Amino acid sequence: MRDNMKAILAYFGTKGETITKERGAYLIQTPSGPTQLAATNDAPDTIIRTHAFKEKLAHAGFAQTDRYFTSIDGQPYAQFGADRYTLAHRPAGQPIETTHANEAEITTAARTLASFHVAAATLTLDTPPAPTPPETFRRGADILTAAQKQIRKQKQRTDFEILLLTHAPHFIDCVHQAIDLWQAARFTAWDHLPCHNRVKASHFIPQSAALTHFNAIGNNNHLHDLTRLIQQFPPHQANIINNYSAVRPLPPGAHEALQALLHYPTPAIKIAEQYTTKKRGWTPAALESKLEGVLIKSRSE
């Protein structure tokens, strides 16, 4: 990318100087301000949909995003042979670092997410609705049960398989707790609205009250995004809920529904699904490392 940077920027109708490299992208100072140039594997349709959504968001009152530049072809990406690039405005400030986040940054993130949801609720997306929590919970239990059966068939078991088999009953219990909590919540306001769907601490830039990385947008309930934010900062759950609610009040039953979603062991189920769906005669070391990380985090909460 560095070798073609001048040509890529010209394709976007601008020029600039590299500031630094960060998370696989180049931060570049252009006449329009700080930007981020990145290679992407996203399909053109995904980039176009993301671009259109961010522009609509801006018109709806939430412009604090990494909005794309358009190229001389009028597209929100530049194609150079097999390589595809996006150039996005970079909101001022630094992304939140999960391990070093302070109370003020987390407060701003909660309010930023709520402000995004206020604007997003006025928009529509042509994506299918996400599964409801009961559907998700049942599928999670099935995945864990399938993983147990698959491991028990093995004559020889890897350290990962032993670890997963040992802890799968606990994760299944968590799923059943989530189901019970959901039923007790009697939450009837589960609607399908445009959601970020990939909320991470590093996607928030508190100095600009900005939210970035919208390439996984889809129709879901806004509690889904809020759950993901709380999972980034478990000790700050009350702060996040209170500040989110101050901008976008939660409907009746939402607090209880959130507890159900937080009980669902999403990371463990994703790992189990990776294990059961890949046809291989060995288990990647990365899966064992991920599972160990999940277990360590669950013990600390």
Protein backbone atom coordinates (compact mmCIF):
# COMPACT_ATOMS: atom_id res chain seq x y z
CA MET A 1 0.00 0.00 0.00
CA ARG A 2 2.78 2.42 0.91
CA ASP A 3 4.30 2.18 -2.58
CA ASN A 4 0.95 3.06 -4.21
CA MET A 5 -0.18 5.59 -1.61
CA LYS A 6 0.18 8.68 -3.79
CA ALA A 7 -1.81 7.05 -6.61
CA ILE A 8 -4.47 5.75 -4.20
CA LEU A 9 -4.95 9.17 -2.63
CA ALA A 10 -5.14 10.75 -6.10
CA TYR A 11 -7.87 8.23 -6.95
CA PHE A 12 -9.81 9.65 -4.00
CA GLY A 13 -9.17 13.17 -5.30
CA THR A 14 -6.81 14.19 -2.53
CA LYS A 15 -3.21 14.06 -1.38
CA GLY A 16 -1.47 13.87 1.95
CA GLU A 17 1.38 12.86 4.17
CA THR A 18 1.60 9.77 6.33
CA ILE A 19 1.35 10.42 10.05
CA THR A 20 1.71 6.89 11.35
CA LYS A 21 0.56 3.30 10.89
CA GLU A 22 -2.09 2.00 13.25
CA ARG A 23 -3.96 -1.32 13.37
CA GLY A 24 -3.14 -2.20 9.78
CA ALA A 25 -4.10 1.20 8.39
CA TYR A 26 -2.25 4.43 7.61
CA LEU A 27 -3.20 7.67 9.29
CA ILE A 28 -2.74 10.43 6.72
CA GLN A 29 -3.04 14.18 6.97
CA THR A 30 -4.93 15.53 3.95
CA PRO A 31 -6.31 18.98 3.07
CA SER A 32 -9.65 17.71 4.46
CA GLY A 33 -8.05 16.78 7.79
CA PRO A 34 -6.84 13.50 9.34
CA THR A 35 -7.85 10.39 7.41
CA GLN A 36 -7.36 6.65 7.61
CA LEU A 37 -6.35 4.66 4.53
CA ALA A 38 -6.89 0.92 4.77
CA ALA A 39 -6.87 -2.15 2.55
CA THR A 40 -10.12 -4.07 2.89
CA ASN A 41 -11.49 -7.52 2.13
CA ASP A 42 -15.06 -6.25 2.28
CA ALA A 43 -17.05 -6.77 -0.90
CA PRO A 44 -18.00 -3.64 -2.88
CA ASP A 45 -21.68 -4.11 -1.95
CA THR A 46 -20.78 -4.15 1.75
CA ILE A 47 -18.70 -0.97 1.44
CA ILE A 48 -21.43 0.79 -0.55
CA ARG A 49 -24.10 -0.20 2.00
CA THR A 50 -21.89 0.94 4.90
CA HIS A 51 -21.15 4.24 3.17
CA ALA A 52 -24.82 4.91 2.44
CA PHE A 53 -25.75 4.13 6.03
CA LYS A 54 -23.12 6.47 7.51
CA GLU A 55 -24.27 9.27 5.21
CA LYS A 56 -27.88 8.73 6.29
CA LEU A 57 -26.75 8.70 9.90
CA ALA A 58 -25.12 12.08 9.42
CA HIS A 59 -28.35 13.52 7.99
CA ALA A 60 -30.22 11.99 10.94
CA GLY A 61 -28.01 13.88 13.39
CA PHE A 62 -25.13 11.51 14.11
CA ALA A 63 -22.16 12.55 11.98
CA GLN A 64 -19.42 11.48 14.39
CA THR A 65 -18.29 8.49 12.34
CA ASP A 66 -15.46 7.48 10.04
CA ARG A 67 -17.30 8.62 6.90
CA TYR A 68 -15.81 7.44 3.62
CA PHE A 69 -14.33 9.56 0.87
CA THR A 70 -15.64 8.71 -2.59
CA SER A 71 -13.29 8.04 -5.49
CA ILE A 72 -13.16 9.70 -8.90
CA ASP A 73 -15.55 6.90 -9.97
CA GLY A 74 -18.03 8.02 -7.34
CA GLN A 75 -17.55 4.86 -5.24
CA PRO A 76 -16.56 4.72 -1.55
CA TYR A 77 -13.53 2.59 -2.39
CA ALA A 78 -10.63 2.43 -4.81
CA GLN A 79 -9.82 -0.72 -6.75
CA PHE A 80 -6.21 -1.33 -7.79
CA GLY A 81 -6.02 -4.72 -9.46
CA ALA A 82 -6.97 -7.31 -6.86
CA ASP A 83 -6.57 -4.82 -4.00
CA ARG A 84 -9.35 -2.65 -2.62
CA TYR A 85 -8.93 0.40 -0.39
CA THR A 86 -11.08 2.76 1.63
CA LEU A 87 -10.22 6.28 2.76
CA ALA A 88 -12.17 7.51 5.78
CA HIS A 89 -12.32 10.70 7.80
CA ARG A 90 -10.62 10.15 11.15
CA PRO A 91 -12.46 11.72 14.13
CA ALA A 92 -10.13 13.70 16.37
CA GLY A 93 -8.71 11.87 19.38
CA GLN A 94 -7.62 8.36 20.27
CA PRO A 95 -9.70 5.17 20.45
CA ILE A 96 -10.42 3.77 23.90
CA GLU A 97 -7.92 1.21 25.16
CA THR A 98 -9.86 -1.48 27.03
CA THR A 99 -7.24 -2.04 29.73
CA HIS A 100 -6.62 1.67 30.34
CA ALA A 101 -10.11 3.14 29.96
CA ASN A 102 -11.19 5.61 32.62
CA GLU A 103 -14.65 6.42 33.95
CA ALA A 104 -15.05 9.52 31.77
CA GLU A 105 -14.22 7.61 28.57
CA ILE A 106 -16.65 4.83 29.41
CA THR A 107 -19.36 7.37 30.24
CA THR A 108 -18.83 9.06 26.87
CA ALA A 109 -18.92 5.70 25.08
CA ALA A 110 -22.29 4.83 26.66
CA ARG A 111 -23.78 8.19 25.70
CA THR A 112 -22.28 7.98 22.20
CA LEU A 113 -23.83 4.56 21.65
CA ALA A 114 -27.21 5.87 22.80
CA SER A 115 -26.93 8.91 20.49
CA PHE A 116 -26.12 6.61 17.59
CA HIS A 117 -29.16 4.48 18.41
CA VAL A 118 -31.42 7.55 18.54
CA ALA A 119 -30.39 8.46 15.00
CA ALA A 120 -30.35 4.85 13.75
CA ALA A 121 -33.91 4.27 14.96
CA THR A 122 -35.10 6.71 12.29
CA LEU A 123 -33.42 4.71 9.49
CA THR A 124 -33.99 1.39 7.76
CA LEU A 125 -31.69 -1.35 6.48
CA ASP A 126 -32.42 -3.95 3.83
CA THR A 127 -30.79 -6.75 5.85
CA PRO A 128 -32.73 -9.67 7.40
CA PRO A 129 -33.51 -9.45 11.12
CA ALA A 130 -31.14 -11.15 13.54
CA PRO A 131 -32.38 -14.17 15.52
CA THR A 132 -34.32 -13.38 18.70
CA PRO A 133 -32.60 -14.16 22.02
CA PRO A 134 -34.59 -17.40 22.59
CA GLU A 135 -33.52 -18.59 19.13
CA THR A 136 -29.92 -17.64 19.85
CA PHE A 137 -29.95 -19.31 23.26
CA ARG A 138 -31.34 -22.59 21.89
CA ARG A 139 -28.77 -22.63 19.11
CA GLY A 140 -25.97 -22.00 21.61
CA ALA A 141 -27.02 -24.94 23.75
CA ASP A 142 -27.14 -27.14 20.63
CA ILE A 143 -23.61 -26.06 19.61
CA LEU A 144 -22.17 -26.89 23.03
CA THR A 145 -23.98 -30.25 23.10
CA ALA A 146 -22.67 -31.07 19.61
CA ALA A 147 -19.12 -30.19 20.70
CA GLN A 148 -19.41 -32.52 23.69
CA LYS A 149 -20.60 -35.39 21.48
CA GLN A 150 -17.85 -34.79 18.95
CA ILE A 151 -15.13 -34.79 21.62
CA ARG A 152 -16.46 -37.92 23.32
CA LYS A 153 -16.10 -39.78 20.02
CA GLN A 154 -12.37 -39.02 19.92
CA LYS A 155 -10.13 -41.90 20.98
CA GLN A 156 -7.39 -39.39 21.69
CA ARG A 157 -8.17 -35.92 22.94
CA THR A 158 -6.13 -32.75 22.65
CA ASP A 159 -5.63 -30.39 25.58
CA PHE A 160 -8.21 -28.08 24.00
CA GLU A 161 -10.77 -30.87 23.73
CA ILE A 162 -10.24 -31.87 27.36
CA LEU A 163 -10.60 -28.25 28.42
CA LEU A 164 -13.79 -27.72 26.42
CA LEU A 165 -15.32 -31.01 27.55
CA THR A 166 -14.55 -30.15 31.19
CA HIS A 167 -16.15 -26.72 31.06
CA ALA A 168 -18.98 -27.28 28.55
CA PRO A 169 -21.48 -28.22 31.33
CA HIS A 170 -20.82 -24.85 33.00
CA PHE A 171 -21.42 -22.98 29.74
CA ILE A 172 -24.62 -24.97 29.14
CA ASP A 173 -25.76 -23.99 32.64
CA CYS A 174 -25.09 -20.34 31.71
CA VAL A 175 -27.30 -20.74 28.64
CA HIS A 176 -30.14 -22.17 30.74
CA GLN A 177 -29.74 -19.32 33.23
CA ALA A 178 -30.00 -16.87 30.32
CA ILE A 179 -33.20 -18.58 29.14
CA ASP A 180 -34.73 -18.39 32.64
CA LEU A 181 -33.76 -14.73 33.05
CA TRP A 182 -35.19 -13.88 29.64
CA GLN A 183 -38.51 -15.53 30.42
CA ALA A 184 -38.68 -13.74 33.78
CA ALA A 185 -37.95 -10.37 32.16
CA ARG A 186 -41.14 -10.50 30.06
CA PHE A 187 -39.49 -8.07 27.66
CA THR A 188 -41.96 -7.28 24.88
CA ALA A 189 -40.13 -4.42 23.14
CA TRP A 190 -37.79 -6.61 21.07
CA ASP A 191 -37.79 -4.81 17.74
CA HIS A 192 -35.35 -4.91 14.84
CA LEU A 193 -33.49 -1.66 14.23
CA PRO A 194 -30.17 -0.79 12.57
CA CYS A 195 -27.37 -1.85 14.92
CA HIS A 196 -23.59 -1.52 14.87
CA ASN A 197 -23.28 -5.27 15.60
CA ARG A 198 -19.53 -5.17 16.33
CA VAL A 199 -19.17 -2.88 19.32
CA LYS A 200 -15.64 -2.77 20.73
CA ALA A 201 -13.90 -0.31 23.01
CA SER A 202 -11.48 0.62 20.22
CA HIS A 203 -14.39 1.71 18.01
CA PHE A 204 -15.15 4.65 20.32
CA ILE A 205 -13.20 7.92 20.18
CA PRO A 206 -14.36 9.80 23.30
CA GLN A 207 -12.72 13.15 22.47
CA SER A 208 -15.06 13.40 19.46
CA ALA A 209 -17.93 11.37 20.94
CA ALA A 210 -17.44 9.25 17.81
CA LEU A 211 -18.24 5.66 16.86
CA THR A 212 -16.40 3.94 14.00
CA HIS A 213 -16.17 0.62 12.07
CA PHE A 214 -19.70 0.15 10.75
CA ASN A 215 -19.03 -2.65 8.26
CA ALA A 216 -21.09 -5.21 10.24
CA ILE A 217 -24.30 -3.15 10.43
CA GLY A 218 -27.54 -5.08 10.43
CA ASN A 219 -31.03 -5.25 11.90
CA ASN A 220 -31.04 -6.26 15.54
CA ASN A 221 -32.28 -4.92 18.86
CA HIS A 222 -30.30 -2.07 20.38
CA LEU A 223 -29.86 -4.11 23.57
CA HIS A 224 -27.49 -6.26 21.49
CA ASP A 225 -25.06 -3.35 21.04
CA LEU A 226 -25.48 -2.27 24.65
CA THR A 227 -24.68 -5.78 25.86
CA ARG A 228 -21.47 -5.80 23.83
CA LEU A 229 -20.40 -2.48 25.35
CA ILE A 230 -21.02 -3.74 28.89
CA GLN A 231 -19.00 -6.88 28.11
CA GLN A 232 -16.05 -4.65 27.27
CA PHE A 233 -16.18 -3.12 30.76
CA PRO A 234 -18.03 -5.50 33.17
CA PRO A 235 -17.21 -3.55 36.39
CA HIS A 236 -18.81 -0.43 34.88
CA GLN A 237 -22.17 -1.99 34.04
CA ALA A 238 -24.23 0.39 36.20
CA ASN A 239 -22.42 3.44 34.83
CA ILE A 240 -22.97 2.31 31.23
CA ILE A 241 -26.67 1.57 31.71
CA ASN A 242 -27.33 4.81 33.59
CA ASN A 243 -25.57 7.01 31.03
CA TYR A 244 -27.08 5.19 28.06
CA SER A 245 -30.55 5.58 29.61
CA ALA A 246 -29.97 9.29 30.20
CA VAL A 247 -29.80 9.76 26.41
CA ARG A 248 -32.13 6.98 25.26
CA PRO A 249 -34.36 5.67 28.08
CA LEU A 250 -34.70 1.90 28.18
CA PRO A 251 -38.20 0.40 27.85
CA PRO A 252 -39.83 -1.69 30.63
CA GLY A 253 -38.12 -5.01 31.21
CA ALA A 254 -34.95 -3.96 29.42
CA HIS A 255 -32.75 -4.06 32.52
CA GLU A 256 -33.79 -7.64 33.22
CA ALA A 257 -33.44 -8.59 29.55
CA LEU A 258 -29.90 -7.22 29.58
CA GLN A 259 -28.99 -9.57 32.43
CA ALA A 260 -30.19 -12.50 30.33
CA LEU A 261 -28.07 -11.40 27.38
CA LEU A 262 -25.05 -10.89 29.64
CA HIS A 263 -25.40 -14.42 31.04
CA TYR A 264 -25.24 -15.96 27.58
CA PRO A 265 -21.61 -17.20 27.07
CA THR A 266 -21.12 -15.85 23.55
CA PRO A 267 -17.28 -16.18 23.37
CA ALA A 268 -17.30 -19.81 24.53
CA ILE A 269 -20.04 -20.73 22.06
CA LYS A 270 -18.17 -19.08 19.19
CA ILE A 271 -15.11 -21.17 20.06
CA ALA A 272 -17.19 -24.36 20.25
CA GLU A 273 -18.76 -23.53 16.89
CA GLN A 274 -15.34 -23.03 15.31
CA TYR A 275 -14.33 -26.42 16.64
CA THR A 276 -17.42 -28.29 15.40
CA THR A 277 -17.73 -26.69 11.95
CA LYS A 278 -14.12 -27.03 10.76
CA LYS A 279 -13.21 -30.40 9.26
CA ARG A 280 -9.65 -30.99 10.34
CA GLY A 281 -7.59 -33.65 12.08
CA TRP A 282 -6.04 -31.17 14.49
CA THR A 283 -7.06 -28.28 16.69
CA PRO A 284 -5.40 -24.88 16.15
CA ALA A 285 -3.43 -23.64 19.16
CA ALA A 286 -5.28 -20.33 18.84
CA LEU A 287 -8.56 -22.01 19.87
CA GLU A 288 -7.02 -23.34 23.07
CA SER A 289 -5.57 -19.92 23.84
CA LYS A 290 -8.94 -18.24 23.22
CA LEU A 291 -10.74 -20.72 25.47
CA GLU A 292 -8.19 -20.23 28.25
CA GLY A 293 -8.73 -16.48 27.94
CA VAL A 294 -12.51 -16.90 28.24
CA LEU A 295 -12.09 -19.06 31.35
CA ILE A 296 -9.72 -16.58 32.98
CA LYS A 297 -12.12 -13.70 32.28
CA SER A 298 -15.14 -15.60 33.59
CA ARG A 299 -13.31 -16.37 36.86
CA SER A 300 -12.47 -12.69 37.36
CA GLU A 301 -16.05 -11.45 36.89
